[in-house]
Protein backbone atom coordinates (compact mmCIF):
# COMPACT_ATOMS: atom_id res chain seq x y z
CA UNK A 1 0.00 0.00 0.00
CA UNK A 2 1.49 3.31 -1.07
CA UNK A 3 1.85 6.01 1.54
CA UNK A 4 0.26 9.44 1.24
CA UNK A 5 3.58 11.10 0.37
CA UNK A 6 4.31 8.50 -2.32
CA UNK A 7 0.91 9.09 -3.90
CA UNK A 8 1.03 12.88 -3.71
CA UNK A 9 3.31 13.58 -6.74
CA UNK A 10 1.13 11.34 -8.93
CA UNK A 11 -2.02 13.14 -7.76
CA UNK A 12 -0.56 16.64 -8.21
CA UNK A 13 0.75 15.88 -11.71
CA UNK A 14 -2.62 14.51 -12.81
CA UNK A 15 -4.58 17.39 -11.27
CA UNK A 16 -2.24 19.92 -12.89
CA UNK A 17 -2.96 18.42 -16.31
CA UNK A 18 -6.70 18.48 -15.61
CA UNK A 19 -6.56 22.05 -14.32
CA UNK A 20 -4.80 23.23 -17.48
CA UNK A 21 -7.69 21.79 -19.47
CA UNK A 22 -10.10 23.59 -17.14
CA UNK A 23 -8.29 26.89 -17.69
CA UNK A 24 -8.28 26.41 -21.47
CA UNK A 25 -12.04 25.84 -21.48
CA UNK A 26 -12.53 28.85 -19.19
CA UNK A 27 -10.55 31.29 -21.34
CA UNK A 28 -11.93 30.01 -24.66
CA UNK A 29 -15.47 30.41 -23.28
CA UNK A 30 -14.81 33.98 -22.12
CA UNK A 31 -13.14 35.00 -25.39
CA UNK A 32 -16.08 33.64 -27.39
CA UNK A 33 -19.04 34.36 -25.09
CA UNK A 34 -18.42 38.00 -24.20
CA UNK A 35 -18.44 39.43 -27.77
CA UNK A 36 -21.16 37.00 -28.88
CA UNK A 37 -23.28 38.03 -25.90
CA UNK A 38 -22.93 41.70 -26.87
CA UNK A 39 -23.99 40.91 -30.45
CA UNK A 40 -27.00 38.93 -29.22
CA UNK A 41 -28.00 41.79 -26.90
CA UNK A 42 -28.04 44.14 -29.89
CA UNK A 43 -30.16 41.60 -31.78
CA UNK A 44 -32.74 41.38 -28.98
CA UNK A 45 -33.19 45.15 -29.27
CA UNK A 46 -33.36 45.09 -33.08
CA UNK A 47 -36.15 46.91 -34.86
CA UNK A 48 -36.50 43.87 -37.14
CA UNK A 49 -39.17 41.81 -35.38
CA UNK A 50 -38.20 38.30 -36.67
CA UNK A 51 -34.59 38.73 -35.51
CA UNK A 52 -35.69 40.04 -32.13
CA UNK A 53 -38.25 37.26 -31.59
CA UNK A 54 -35.96 34.42 -32.71
CA UNK A 55 -33.11 35.58 -30.47
CA UNK A 56 -35.37 36.02 -27.45
CA UNK A 57 -36.78 32.54 -28.00
CA UNK A 58 -33.26 31.13 -28.34
CA UNK A 59 -32.17 32.81 -25.09
CA UNK A 60 -35.27 31.45 -23.34
CA UNK A 61 -34.43 27.89 -24.44
CA UNK A 62 -30.76 28.09 -23.48
CA UNK A 63 -31.39 29.72 -20.11
CA UNK A 64 -34.27 27.36 -19.38
CA UNK A 65 -32.40 24.09 -19.92
CA UNK A 66 -29.42 22.65 -18.00
CA UNK A 67 -25.95 23.18 -19.44
CA UNK A 68 -25.27 19.47 -18.95
CA UNK A 69 -28.08 18.55 -21.36
CA UNK A 70 -26.84 21.12 -23.87
CA UNK A 71 -23.36 19.54 -23.69
CA UNK A 72 -24.77 16.08 -24.37
CA UNK A 73 -26.94 17.29 -27.27
CA UNK A 74 -24.17 19.29 -28.94
CA UNK A 75 -21.66 16.46 -28.62
CA UNK A 76 -23.84 13.45 -29.49
CA UNK A 77 -26.64 14.85 -31.69
CA UNK A 78 -24.70 15.18 -34.99
CA UNK A 79 -23.40 11.62 -34.80
CA UNK A 80 -26.61 9.94 -33.63
CA UNK A 81 -29.12 11.83 -35.80
CA UNK A 82 -27.17 13.07 -38.82
CA UNK A 83 -24.70 10.16 -38.80
CA UNK A 84 -21.98 12.77 -39.01
CA UNK A 85 -19.73 12.99 -35.93
CA UNK A 86 -18.55 16.51 -36.76
CA UNK A 87 -16.42 16.82 -33.63
CA UNK A 88 -14.21 13.88 -34.52
CA UNK A 89 -12.74 11.71 -31.83
CA UNK A 90 -10.34 12.10 -28.97
CA UNK A 91 -9.75 14.90 -26.53
CA UNK A 92 -9.63 17.63 -29.19
CA UNK A 93 -13.12 16.78 -30.43
CA UNK A 94 -14.54 16.69 -26.90
CA UNK A 95 -12.87 20.01 -26.07
CA UNK A 96 -14.25 21.64 -29.22
CA UNK A 97 -17.78 20.44 -28.50
CA UNK A 98 -17.54 21.57 -24.87
CA UNK A 99 -16.26 24.99 -25.96
CA UNK A 100 -19.17 25.47 -28.38
CA UNK A 101 -21.70 24.48 -25.72
CA UNK A 102 -20.18 26.75 -23.08
CA UNK A 103 -19.85 29.73 -25.43
CA UNK A 104 -23.48 29.49 -26.54
CA UNK A 105 -24.74 29.04 -22.98
CA UNK A 106 -22.76 31.87 -21.42
CA UNK A 107 -23.31 34.21 -24.38
CA UNK A 108 -27.03 34.05 -23.68
CA UNK A 109 -26.54 34.89 -20.01
CA UNK A 110 -24.08 37.68 -20.84
CA UNK A 111 -26.47 39.08 -23.46
CA UNK A 112 -29.16 39.69 -20.83
CA UNK A 113 -26.63 41.41 -18.58
CA UNK A 114 -25.45 43.57 -21.50
CA UNK A 115 -29.04 44.39 -22.42
CA UNK A 116 -29.78 45.48 -18.86
CA UNK A 117 -26.67 47.63 -18.82
CA UNK A 118 -27.56 49.30 -22.13
CA UNK A 119 -31.10 50.21 -21.14
CA UNK A 120 -29.92 51.50 -17.74
CA UNK A 121 -28.11 54.43 -19.40
CA UNK A 122 -30.38 57.52 -19.46
CA UNK A 123 -31.98 58.21 -22.83
CA UNK A 124 -30.90 61.84 -22.50
CA UNK A 125 -27.34 60.85 -23.35
CA UNK A 126 -28.48 59.51 -26.74
CA UNK A 127 -30.40 62.71 -27.39
CA UNK A 128 -27.43 64.87 -26.41
CA UNK A 129 -25.14 62.86 -28.69
CA UNK A 130 -27.50 63.21 -31.63
CA UNK A 131 -27.69 66.97 -31.07
CA UNK A 132 -23.89 67.08 -31.24
CA UNK A 133 -23.99 65.25 -34.58
CA UNK A 134 -22.77 61.88 -33.34
CA UNK A 135 -23.93 58.63 -34.91
CA UNK A 136 -25.57 55.85 -32.90
CA UNK A 137 -22.33 53.85 -32.99
CA UNK A 138 -20.26 56.80 -31.78
CA UNK A 139 -22.69 57.44 -28.93
CA UNK A 140 -22.47 53.81 -27.81
CA UNK A 141 -18.69 53.37 -27.97
CA UNK A 142 -17.61 56.86 -26.89
CA UNK A 143 -20.32 57.79 -24.38
CA UNK A 144 -22.23 54.78 -23.10
CA UNK A 145 -19.83 51.82 -23.23
CA UNK A 146 -17.63 52.55 -20.18
CA UNK A 147 -20.65 53.56 -18.13
CA UNK A 148 -22.34 50.30 -19.10
CA UNK A 149 -19.24 48.28 -18.16
CA UNK A 150 -19.21 49.93 -14.72
CA UNK A 151 -22.83 48.94 -14.13
CA UNK A 152 -22.63 45.38 -15.42
CA UNK A 153 -19.27 44.46 -13.90
CA UNK A 154 -20.69 42.95 -10.65
CA UNK A 155 -23.13 40.55 -12.41
CA UNK A 156 -20.55 39.75 -15.10
CA UNK A 157 -18.00 38.99 -12.36
CA UNK A 158 -20.48 36.63 -10.73
CA UNK A 159 -20.99 34.77 -14.02
CA UNK A 160 -17.23 34.54 -14.57
CA UNK A 161 -16.72 32.97 -11.14
CA UNK A 162 -19.59 30.57 -11.83
CA UNK A 163 -17.99 29.65 -15.16
CA UNK A 164 -14.85 28.43 -13.38
CA UNK A 165 -16.96 25.92 -11.44
CA UNK A 166 -19.24 25.04 -14.36
CA UNK A 167 -16.28 23.79 -16.39
CA UNK A 168 -16.53 20.65 -14.25
CA UNK A 169 -19.70 19.73 -16.18
CA UNK A 170 -17.55 18.99 -19.24
CA UNK A 171 -16.66 15.63 -17.69
CA UNK A 172 -20.12 14.42 -18.77
CA UNK A 173 -18.66 14.01 -22.29
CA UNK A 174 -15.42 12.60 -20.86
CA UNK A 175 -13.40 15.80 -21.23
CA UNK A 176 -10.44 15.29 -18.92
CA UNK A 177 -10.70 18.43 -16.81
CA UNK A 178 -9.72 18.61 -13.14
CA UNK A 179 -12.80 16.90 -11.62
CA UNK A 180 -12.42 14.06 -14.12
CA UNK A 181 -8.78 13.74 -13.04
CA UNK A 182 -9.77 13.64 -9.38
CA UNK A 183 -12.46 11.00 -9.96
CA UNK A 184 -9.97 8.85 -11.88
CA UNK A 185 -8.21 8.04 -8.62
CA UNK A 186 -11.43 6.66 -7.14
CA UNK A 187 -11.76 4.33 -10.14
CA UNK A 188 -8.13 3.25 -9.96
CA UNK A 189 -7.32 4.37 -13.51
CA UNK A 190 -4.37 6.47 -12.30
CA UNK A 191 -2.64 3.68 -10.43
CA UNK A 192 -4.34 4.46 -7.11
CA UNK A 193 -7.54 2.56 -6.42
CA UNK A 194 -10.36 3.89 -4.24
CA UNK A 195 -8.62 7.10 -3.14
CA UNK A 196 -11.14 9.87 -2.52
CA UNK A 197 -8.81 12.47 -1.00
CA UNK A 198 -7.61 13.78 -4.42
CA UNK A 199 -11.12 15.21 -4.89
CA UNK A 200 -10.55 17.50 -1.91
CA UNK A 201 -7.39 18.80 -3.59
CA UNK A 202 -9.49 19.88 -6.59
CA UNK A 203 -11.39 22.25 -4.30
CA UNK A 204 -8.09 24.01 -3.52
CA UNK A 205 -7.49 24.63 -7.24
CA UNK A 206 -10.96 26.16 -7.62
CA UNK A 207 -10.59 28.27 -4.47
CA UNK A 208 -7.22 29.68 -5.55
CA UNK A 209 -8.44 30.38 -9.10
CA UNK A 210 -11.63 32.08 -7.96
CA UNK A 211 -9.70 33.99 -5.28
CA UNK A 212 -7.32 35.43 -7.87
CA UNK A 213 -10.21 36.28 -10.20
CA UNK A 214 -12.07 38.00 -7.35
CA UNK A 215 -9.04 40.20 -6.66
CA UNK A 216 -8.61 40.98 -10.36
CA UNK A 217 -12.26 41.84 -10.95
CA UNK A 218 -12.38 43.84 -7.72
CA UNK A 219 -9.40 45.87 -8.92
CA UNK A 220 -11.10 46.59 -12.24
CA UNK A 221 -14.25 47.69 -10.44
CA UNK A 222 -12.28 50.13 -8.29
CA UNK A 223 -10.66 51.64 -11.40
CA UNK A 224 -14.13 52.38 -12.76
CA UNK A 225 -15.30 54.15 -9.58
CA UNK A 226 -14.99 57.56 -11.25
CA UNK A 227 -18.12 56.77 -13.28
CA UNK A 228 -20.32 57.20 -10.21
C-alpha atoms as a PDB file:
ATOM      1  CA  UNK A   1       0.000   0.000   0.000  1.00  0.00           C
ATOM      2  CA  UNK A   2       1.495   3.312  -1.074  1.00  0.00           C
ATOM      3  CA  UNK A   3       1.850   6.013   1.540  1.00  0.00           C
ATOM      4  CA  UNK A   4       0.258   9.436   1.241  1.00  0.00           C
ATOM      5  CA  UNK A   5       3.580  11.097   0.367  1.00  0.00           C
ATOM      6  CA  UNK A   6       4.311   8.504  -2.323  1.00  0.00           C
ATOM      7  CA  UNK A   7       0.911   9.091  -3.901  1.00  0.00           C
ATOM      8  CA  UNK A   8       1.033  12.880  -3.705  1.00  0.00           C
ATOM      9  CA  UNK A   9       3.309  13.583  -6.743  1.00  0.00           C
ATOM     10  CA  UNK A  10       1.131  11.345  -8.926  1.00  0.00           C
ATOM     11  CA  UNK A  11      -2.016  13.141  -7.761  1.00  0.00           C
ATOM     12  CA  UNK A  12      -0.561  16.637  -8.206  1.00  0.00           C
ATOM     13  CA  UNK A  13       0.747  15.883 -11.708  1.00  0.00           C
ATOM     14  CA  UNK A  14      -2.623  14.508 -12.807  1.00  0.00           C
ATOM     15  CA  UNK A  15      -4.582  17.388 -11.265  1.00  0.00           C
ATOM     16  CA  UNK A  16      -2.242  19.923 -12.888  1.00  0.00           C
ATOM     17  CA  UNK A  17      -2.963  18.419 -16.313  1.00  0.00           C
ATOM     18  CA  UNK A  18      -6.702  18.476 -15.613  1.00  0.00           C
ATOM     19  CA  UNK A  19      -6.560  22.045 -14.324  1.00  0.00           C
ATOM     20  CA  UNK A  20      -4.803  23.232 -17.483  1.00  0.00           C
ATOM     21  CA  UNK A  21      -7.691  21.787 -19.475  1.00  0.00           C
ATOM     22  CA  UNK A  22     -10.103  23.588 -17.145  1.00  0.00           C
ATOM     23  CA  UNK A  23      -8.288  26.888 -17.685  1.00  0.00           C
ATOM     24  CA  UNK A  24      -8.275  26.406 -21.467  1.00  0.00           C
ATOM     25  CA  UNK A  25     -12.038  25.843 -21.476  1.00  0.00           C
ATOM     26  CA  UNK A  26     -12.533  28.846 -19.186  1.00  0.00           C
ATOM     27  CA  UNK A  27     -10.550  31.289 -21.338  1.00  0.00           C
ATOM     28  CA  UNK A  28     -11.933  30.011 -24.657  1.00  0.00           C
ATOM     29  CA  UNK A  29     -15.467  30.412 -23.280  1.00  0.00           C
ATOM     30  CA  UNK A  30     -14.806  33.978 -22.123  1.00  0.00           C
ATOM     31  CA  UNK A  31     -13.144  34.996 -25.389  1.00  0.00           C
ATOM     32  CA  UNK A  32     -16.081  33.642 -27.387  1.00  0.00           C
ATOM     33  CA  UNK A  33     -19.045  34.360 -25.090  1.00  0.00           C
ATOM     34  CA  UNK A  34     -18.416  38.005 -24.204  1.00  0.00           C
ATOM     35  CA  UNK A  35     -18.442  39.430 -27.766  1.00  0.00           C
ATOM     36  CA  UNK A  36     -21.164  36.999 -28.877  1.00  0.00           C
ATOM     37  CA  UNK A  37     -23.276  38.028 -25.900  1.00  0.00           C
ATOM     38  CA  UNK A  38     -22.932  41.700 -26.868  1.00  0.00           C
ATOM     39  CA  UNK A  39     -23.994  40.910 -30.445  1.00  0.00           C
ATOM     40  CA  UNK A  40     -27.002  38.928 -29.218  1.00  0.00           C
ATOM     41  CA  UNK A  41     -27.999  41.787 -26.896  1.00  0.00           C
ATOM     42  CA  UNK A  42     -28.041  44.144 -29.886  1.00  0.00           C
ATOM     43  CA  UNK A  43     -30.162  41.601 -31.777  1.00  0.00           C
ATOM     44  CA  UNK A  44     -32.737  41.375 -28.979  1.00  0.00           C
ATOM     45  CA  UNK A  45     -33.191  45.154 -29.270  1.00  0.00           C
ATOM     46  CA  UNK A  46     -33.355  45.094 -33.082  1.00  0.00           C
ATOM     47  CA  UNK A  47     -36.150  46.913 -34.859  1.00  0.00           C
ATOM     48  CA  UNK A  48     -36.503  43.873 -37.141  1.00  0.00           C
ATOM     49  CA  UNK A  49     -39.168  41.815 -35.380  1.00  0.00           C
ATOM     50  CA  UNK A  50     -38.198  38.304 -36.668  1.00  0.00           C
ATOM     51  CA  UNK A  51     -34.588  38.732 -35.511  1.00  0.00           C
ATOM     52  CA  UNK A  52     -35.694  40.041 -32.130  1.00  0.00           C
ATOM     53  CA  UNK A  53     -38.252  37.260 -31.586  1.00  0.00           C
ATOM     54  CA  UNK A  54     -35.956  34.420 -32.706  1.00  0.00           C
ATOM     55  CA  UNK A  55     -33.105  35.580 -30.472  1.00  0.00           C
ATOM     56  CA  UNK A  56     -35.368  36.023 -27.451  1.00  0.00           C
ATOM     57  CA  UNK A  57     -36.785  32.536 -28.000  1.00  0.00           C
ATOM     58  CA  UNK A  58     -33.262  31.130 -28.337  1.00  0.00           C
ATOM     59  CA  UNK A  59     -32.174  32.812 -25.089  1.00  0.00           C
ATOM     60  CA  UNK A  60     -35.275  31.450 -23.335  1.00  0.00           C
ATOM     61  CA  UNK A  61     -34.435  27.889 -24.439  1.00  0.00           C
ATOM     62  CA  UNK A  62     -30.757  28.095 -23.481  1.00  0.00           C
ATOM     63  CA  UNK A  63     -31.385  29.718 -20.106  1.00  0.00           C
ATOM     64  CA  UNK A  64     -34.269  27.364 -19.378  1.00  0.00           C
ATOM     65  CA  UNK A  65     -32.400  24.093 -19.917  1.00  0.00           C
ATOM     66  CA  UNK A  66     -29.415  22.651 -18.002  1.00  0.00           C
ATOM     67  CA  UNK A  67     -25.950  23.180 -19.438  1.00  0.00           C
ATOM     68  CA  UNK A  68     -25.272  19.469 -18.953  1.00  0.00           C
ATOM     69  CA  UNK A  69     -28.076  18.555 -21.356  1.00  0.00           C
ATOM     70  CA  UNK A  70     -26.835  21.116 -23.866  1.00  0.00           C
ATOM     71  CA  UNK A  71     -23.361  19.535 -23.695  1.00  0.00           C
ATOM     72  CA  UNK A  72     -24.772  16.076 -24.373  1.00  0.00           C
ATOM     73  CA  UNK A  73     -26.938  17.287 -27.274  1.00  0.00           C
ATOM     74  CA  UNK A  74     -24.174  19.288 -28.944  1.00  0.00           C
ATOM     75  CA  UNK A  75     -21.660  16.463 -28.615  1.00  0.00           C
ATOM     76  CA  UNK A  76     -23.837  13.451 -29.493  1.00  0.00           C
ATOM     77  CA  UNK A  77     -26.644  14.846 -31.688  1.00  0.00           C
ATOM     78  CA  UNK A  78     -24.703  15.175 -34.987  1.00  0.00           C
ATOM     79  CA  UNK A  79     -23.400  11.617 -34.802  1.00  0.00           C
ATOM     80  CA  UNK A  80     -26.610   9.943 -33.629  1.00  0.00           C
ATOM     81  CA  UNK A  81     -29.120  11.834 -35.798  1.00  0.00           C
ATOM     82  CA  UNK A  82     -27.175  13.068 -38.817  1.00  0.00           C
ATOM     83  CA  UNK A  83     -24.703  10.156 -38.797  1.00  0.00           C
ATOM     84  CA  UNK A  84     -21.980  12.771 -39.012  1.00  0.00           C
ATOM     85  CA  UNK A  85     -19.730  12.995 -35.932  1.00  0.00           C
ATOM     86  CA  UNK A  86     -18.547  16.506 -36.761  1.00  0.00           C
ATOM     87  CA  UNK A  87     -16.419  16.817 -33.630  1.00  0.00           C
ATOM     88  CA  UNK A  88     -14.213  13.885 -34.519  1.00  0.00           C
ATOM     89  CA  UNK A  89     -12.742  11.706 -31.831  1.00  0.00           C
ATOM     90  CA  UNK A  90     -10.344  12.104 -28.974  1.00  0.00           C
ATOM     91  CA  UNK A  91      -9.747  14.903 -26.525  1.00  0.00           C
ATOM     92  CA  UNK A  92      -9.628  17.635 -29.190  1.00  0.00           C
ATOM     93  CA  UNK A  93     -13.123  16.775 -30.432  1.00  0.00           C
ATOM     94  CA  UNK A  94     -14.543  16.693 -26.903  1.00  0.00           C
ATOM     95  CA  UNK A  95     -12.871  20.008 -26.068  1.00  0.00           C
ATOM     96  CA  UNK A  96     -14.247  21.644 -29.220  1.00  0.00           C
ATOM     97  CA  UNK A  97     -17.784  20.438 -28.503  1.00  0.00           C
ATOM     98  CA  UNK A  98     -17.543  21.573 -24.874  1.00  0.00           C
ATOM     99  CA  UNK A  99     -16.256  24.992 -25.960  1.00  0.00           C
ATOM    100  CA  UNK A 100     -19.169  25.471 -28.379  1.00  0.00           C
ATOM    101  CA  UNK A 101     -21.700  24.480 -25.720  1.00  0.00           C
ATOM    102  CA  UNK A 102     -20.182  26.752 -23.076  1.00  0.00           C
ATOM    103  CA  UNK A 103     -19.846  29.726 -25.434  1.00  0.00           C
ATOM    104  CA  UNK A 104     -23.480  29.492 -26.537  1.00  0.00           C
ATOM    105  CA  UNK A 105     -24.742  29.045 -22.982  1.00  0.00           C
ATOM    106  CA  UNK A 106     -22.763  31.871 -21.422  1.00  0.00           C
ATOM    107  CA  UNK A 107     -23.308  34.207 -24.378  1.00  0.00           C
ATOM    108  CA  UNK A 108     -27.032  34.045 -23.684  1.00  0.00           C
ATOM    109  CA  UNK A 109     -26.544  34.895 -20.013  1.00  0.00           C
ATOM    110  CA  UNK A 110     -24.081  37.679 -20.839  1.00  0.00           C
ATOM    111  CA  UNK A 111     -26.471  39.077 -23.460  1.00  0.00           C
ATOM    112  CA  UNK A 112     -29.159  39.688 -20.834  1.00  0.00           C
ATOM    113  CA  UNK A 113     -26.626  41.410 -18.581  1.00  0.00           C
ATOM    114  CA  UNK A 114     -25.449  43.571 -21.496  1.00  0.00           C
ATOM    115  CA  UNK A 115     -29.043  44.391 -22.422  1.00  0.00           C
ATOM    116  CA  UNK A 116     -29.780  45.477 -18.858  1.00  0.00           C
ATOM    117  CA  UNK A 117     -26.665  47.634 -18.824  1.00  0.00           C
ATOM    118  CA  UNK A 118     -27.559  49.302 -22.130  1.00  0.00           C
ATOM    119  CA  UNK A 119     -31.104  50.211 -21.136  1.00  0.00           C
ATOM    120  CA  UNK A 120     -29.919  51.497 -17.741  1.00  0.00           C
ATOM    121  CA  UNK A 121     -28.111  54.426 -19.399  1.00  0.00           C
ATOM    122  CA  UNK A 122     -30.376  57.524 -19.460  1.00  0.00           C
ATOM    123  CA  UNK A 123     -31.980  58.213 -22.833  1.00  0.00           C
ATOM    124  CA  UNK A 124     -30.898  61.842 -22.502  1.00  0.00           C
ATOM    125  CA  UNK A 125     -27.345  60.848 -23.354  1.00  0.00           C
ATOM    126  CA  UNK A 126     -28.476  59.513 -26.742  1.00  0.00           C
ATOM    127  CA  UNK A 127     -30.402  62.706 -27.390  1.00  0.00           C
ATOM    128  CA  UNK A 128     -27.426  64.874 -26.413  1.00  0.00           C
ATOM    129  CA  UNK A 129     -25.138  62.865 -28.689  1.00  0.00           C
ATOM    130  CA  UNK A 130     -27.504  63.213 -31.626  1.00  0.00           C
ATOM    131  CA  UNK A 131     -27.692  66.971 -31.065  1.00  0.00           C
ATOM    132  CA  UNK A 132     -23.892  67.075 -31.240  1.00  0.00           C
ATOM    133  CA  UNK A 133     -23.993  65.252 -34.583  1.00  0.00           C
ATOM    134  CA  UNK A 134     -22.767  61.877 -33.339  1.00  0.00           C
ATOM    135  CA  UNK A 135     -23.929  58.627 -34.912  1.00  0.00           C
ATOM    136  CA  UNK A 136     -25.566  55.853 -32.899  1.00  0.00           C
ATOM    137  CA  UNK A 137     -22.329  53.847 -32.992  1.00  0.00           C
ATOM    138  CA  UNK A 138     -20.258  56.805 -31.784  1.00  0.00           C
ATOM    139  CA  UNK A 139     -22.691  57.438 -28.935  1.00  0.00           C
ATOM    140  CA  UNK A 140     -22.469  53.812 -27.815  1.00  0.00           C
ATOM    141  CA  UNK A 141     -18.694  53.372 -27.975  1.00  0.00           C
ATOM    142  CA  UNK A 142     -17.607  56.864 -26.894  1.00  0.00           C
ATOM    143  CA  UNK A 143     -20.320  57.791 -24.379  1.00  0.00           C
ATOM    144  CA  UNK A 144     -22.233  54.778 -23.097  1.00  0.00           C
ATOM    145  CA  UNK A 145     -19.827  51.822 -23.226  1.00  0.00           C
ATOM    146  CA  UNK A 146     -17.629  52.549 -20.185  1.00  0.00           C
ATOM    147  CA  UNK A 147     -20.652  53.555 -18.130  1.00  0.00           C
ATOM    148  CA  UNK A 148     -22.335  50.302 -19.100  1.00  0.00           C
ATOM    149  CA  UNK A 149     -19.238  48.279 -18.164  1.00  0.00           C
ATOM    150  CA  UNK A 150     -19.205  49.926 -14.716  1.00  0.00           C
ATOM    151  CA  UNK A 151     -22.829  48.939 -14.126  1.00  0.00           C
ATOM    152  CA  UNK A 152     -22.630  45.380 -15.416  1.00  0.00           C
ATOM    153  CA  UNK A 153     -19.265  44.459 -13.896  1.00  0.00           C
ATOM    154  CA  UNK A 154     -20.690  42.952 -10.654  1.00  0.00           C
ATOM    155  CA  UNK A 155     -23.131  40.554 -12.408  1.00  0.00           C
ATOM    156  CA  UNK A 156     -20.547  39.752 -15.102  1.00  0.00           C
ATOM    157  CA  UNK A 157     -18.002  38.989 -12.357  1.00  0.00           C
ATOM    158  CA  UNK A 158     -20.475  36.626 -10.726  1.00  0.00           C
ATOM    159  CA  UNK A 159     -20.993  34.772 -14.017  1.00  0.00           C
ATOM    160  CA  UNK A 160     -17.234  34.537 -14.566  1.00  0.00           C
ATOM    161  CA  UNK A 161     -16.724  32.966 -11.137  1.00  0.00           C
ATOM    162  CA  UNK A 162     -19.592  30.571 -11.831  1.00  0.00           C
ATOM    163  CA  UNK A 163     -17.990  29.646 -15.160  1.00  0.00           C
ATOM    164  CA  UNK A 164     -14.853  28.431 -13.382  1.00  0.00           C
ATOM    165  CA  UNK A 165     -16.960  25.915 -11.440  1.00  0.00           C
ATOM    166  CA  UNK A 166     -19.242  25.038 -14.358  1.00  0.00           C
ATOM    167  CA  UNK A 167     -16.284  23.792 -16.388  1.00  0.00           C
ATOM    168  CA  UNK A 168     -16.530  20.647 -14.248  1.00  0.00           C
ATOM    169  CA  UNK A 169     -19.705  19.728 -16.178  1.00  0.00           C
ATOM    170  CA  UNK A 170     -17.549  18.985 -19.237  1.00  0.00           C
ATOM    171  CA  UNK A 171     -16.661  15.631 -17.691  1.00  0.00           C
ATOM    172  CA  UNK A 172     -20.122  14.424 -18.774  1.00  0.00           C
ATOM    173  CA  UNK A 173     -18.662  14.014 -22.286  1.00  0.00           C
ATOM    174  CA  UNK A 174     -15.419  12.601 -20.862  1.00  0.00           C
ATOM    175  CA  UNK A 175     -13.396  15.799 -21.232  1.00  0.00           C
ATOM    176  CA  UNK A 176     -10.436  15.290 -18.921  1.00  0.00           C
ATOM    177  CA  UNK A 177     -10.705  18.428 -16.805  1.00  0.00           C
ATOM    178  CA  UNK A 178      -9.721  18.614 -13.140  1.00  0.00           C
ATOM    179  CA  UNK A 179     -12.796  16.895 -11.616  1.00  0.00           C
ATOM    180  CA  UNK A 180     -12.418  14.063 -14.117  1.00  0.00           C
ATOM    181  CA  UNK A 181      -8.776  13.742 -13.035  1.00  0.00           C
ATOM    182  CA  UNK A 182      -9.775  13.638  -9.378  1.00  0.00           C
ATOM    183  CA  UNK A 183     -12.460  10.999  -9.963  1.00  0.00           C
ATOM    184  CA  UNK A 184      -9.975   8.851 -11.883  1.00  0.00           C
ATOM    185  CA  UNK A 185      -8.214   8.035  -8.620  1.00  0.00           C
ATOM    186  CA  UNK A 186     -11.433   6.658  -7.143  1.00  0.00           C
ATOM    187  CA  UNK A 187     -11.758   4.333 -10.137  1.00  0.00           C
ATOM    188  CA  UNK A 188      -8.128   3.249  -9.958  1.00  0.00           C
ATOM    189  CA  UNK A 189      -7.323   4.372 -13.512  1.00  0.00           C
ATOM    190  CA  UNK A 190      -4.373   6.467 -12.301  1.00  0.00           C
ATOM    191  CA  UNK A 191      -2.645   3.675 -10.433  1.00  0.00           C
ATOM    192  CA  UNK A 192      -4.343   4.465  -7.106  1.00  0.00           C
ATOM    193  CA  UNK A 193      -7.540   2.560  -6.416  1.00  0.00           C
ATOM    194  CA  UNK A 194     -10.360   3.888  -4.239  1.00  0.00           C
ATOM    195  CA  UNK A 195      -8.616   7.099  -3.136  1.00  0.00           C
ATOM    196  CA  UNK A 196     -11.138   9.871  -2.522  1.00  0.00           C
ATOM    197  CA  UNK A 197      -8.811  12.468  -1.005  1.00  0.00           C
ATOM    198  CA  UNK A 198      -7.611  13.781  -4.419  1.00  0.00           C
ATOM    199  CA  UNK A 199     -11.121  15.213  -4.888  1.00  0.00           C
ATOM    200  CA  UNK A 200     -10.548  17.502  -1.912  1.00  0.00           C
ATOM    201  CA  UNK A 201      -7.389  18.796  -3.592  1.00  0.00           C
ATOM    202  CA  UNK A 202      -9.487  19.880  -6.588  1.00  0.00           C
ATOM    203  CA  UNK A 203     -11.385  22.255  -4.300  1.00  0.00           C
ATOM    204  CA  UNK A 204      -8.088  24.013  -3.519  1.00  0.00           C
ATOM    205  CA  UNK A 205      -7.494  24.627  -7.236  1.00  0.00           C
ATOM    206  CA  UNK A 206     -10.962  26.156  -7.619  1.00  0.00           C
ATOM    207  CA  UNK A 207     -10.593  28.268  -4.471  1.00  0.00           C
ATOM    208  CA  UNK A 208      -7.224  29.676  -5.549  1.00  0.00           C
ATOM    209  CA  UNK A 209      -8.436  30.376  -9.099  1.00  0.00           C
ATOM    210  CA  UNK A 210     -11.633  32.085  -7.960  1.00  0.00           C
ATOM    211  CA  UNK A 211      -9.704  33.986  -5.282  1.00  0.00           C
ATOM    212  CA  UNK A 212      -7.318  35.434  -7.869  1.00  0.00           C
ATOM    213  CA  UNK A 213     -10.212  36.276 -10.202  1.00  0.00           C
ATOM    214  CA  UNK A 214     -12.066  37.996  -7.353  1.00  0.00           C
ATOM    215  CA  UNK A 215      -9.036  40.195  -6.658  1.00  0.00           C
ATOM    216  CA  UNK A 216      -8.607  40.983 -10.358  1.00  0.00           C
ATOM    217  CA  UNK A 217     -12.263  41.838 -10.946  1.00  0.00           C
ATOM    218  CA  UNK A 218     -12.382  43.842  -7.725  1.00  0.00           C
ATOM    219  CA  UNK A 219      -9.398  45.873  -8.916  1.00  0.00           C
ATOM    220  CA  UNK A 220     -11.095  46.589 -12.236  1.00  0.00           C
ATOM    221  CA  UNK A 221     -14.251  47.688 -10.437  1.00  0.00           C
ATOM    222  CA  UNK A 222     -12.277  50.133  -8.290  1.00  0.00           C
ATOM    223  CA  UNK A 223     -10.656  51.639 -11.398  1.00  0.00           C
ATOM    224  CA  UNK A 224     -14.130  52.383 -12.757  1.00  0.00           C
ATOM    225  CA  UNK A 225     -15.298  54.154  -9.579  1.00  0.00           C
ATOM    226  CA  UNK A 226     -14.989  57.556 -11.254  1.00  0.00           C
ATOM    227  CA  UNK A 227     -18.123  56.770 -13.285  1.00  0.00           C
ATOM    228  CA  UNK A 228     -20.322  57.201 -10.214  1.00  0.00           C
END
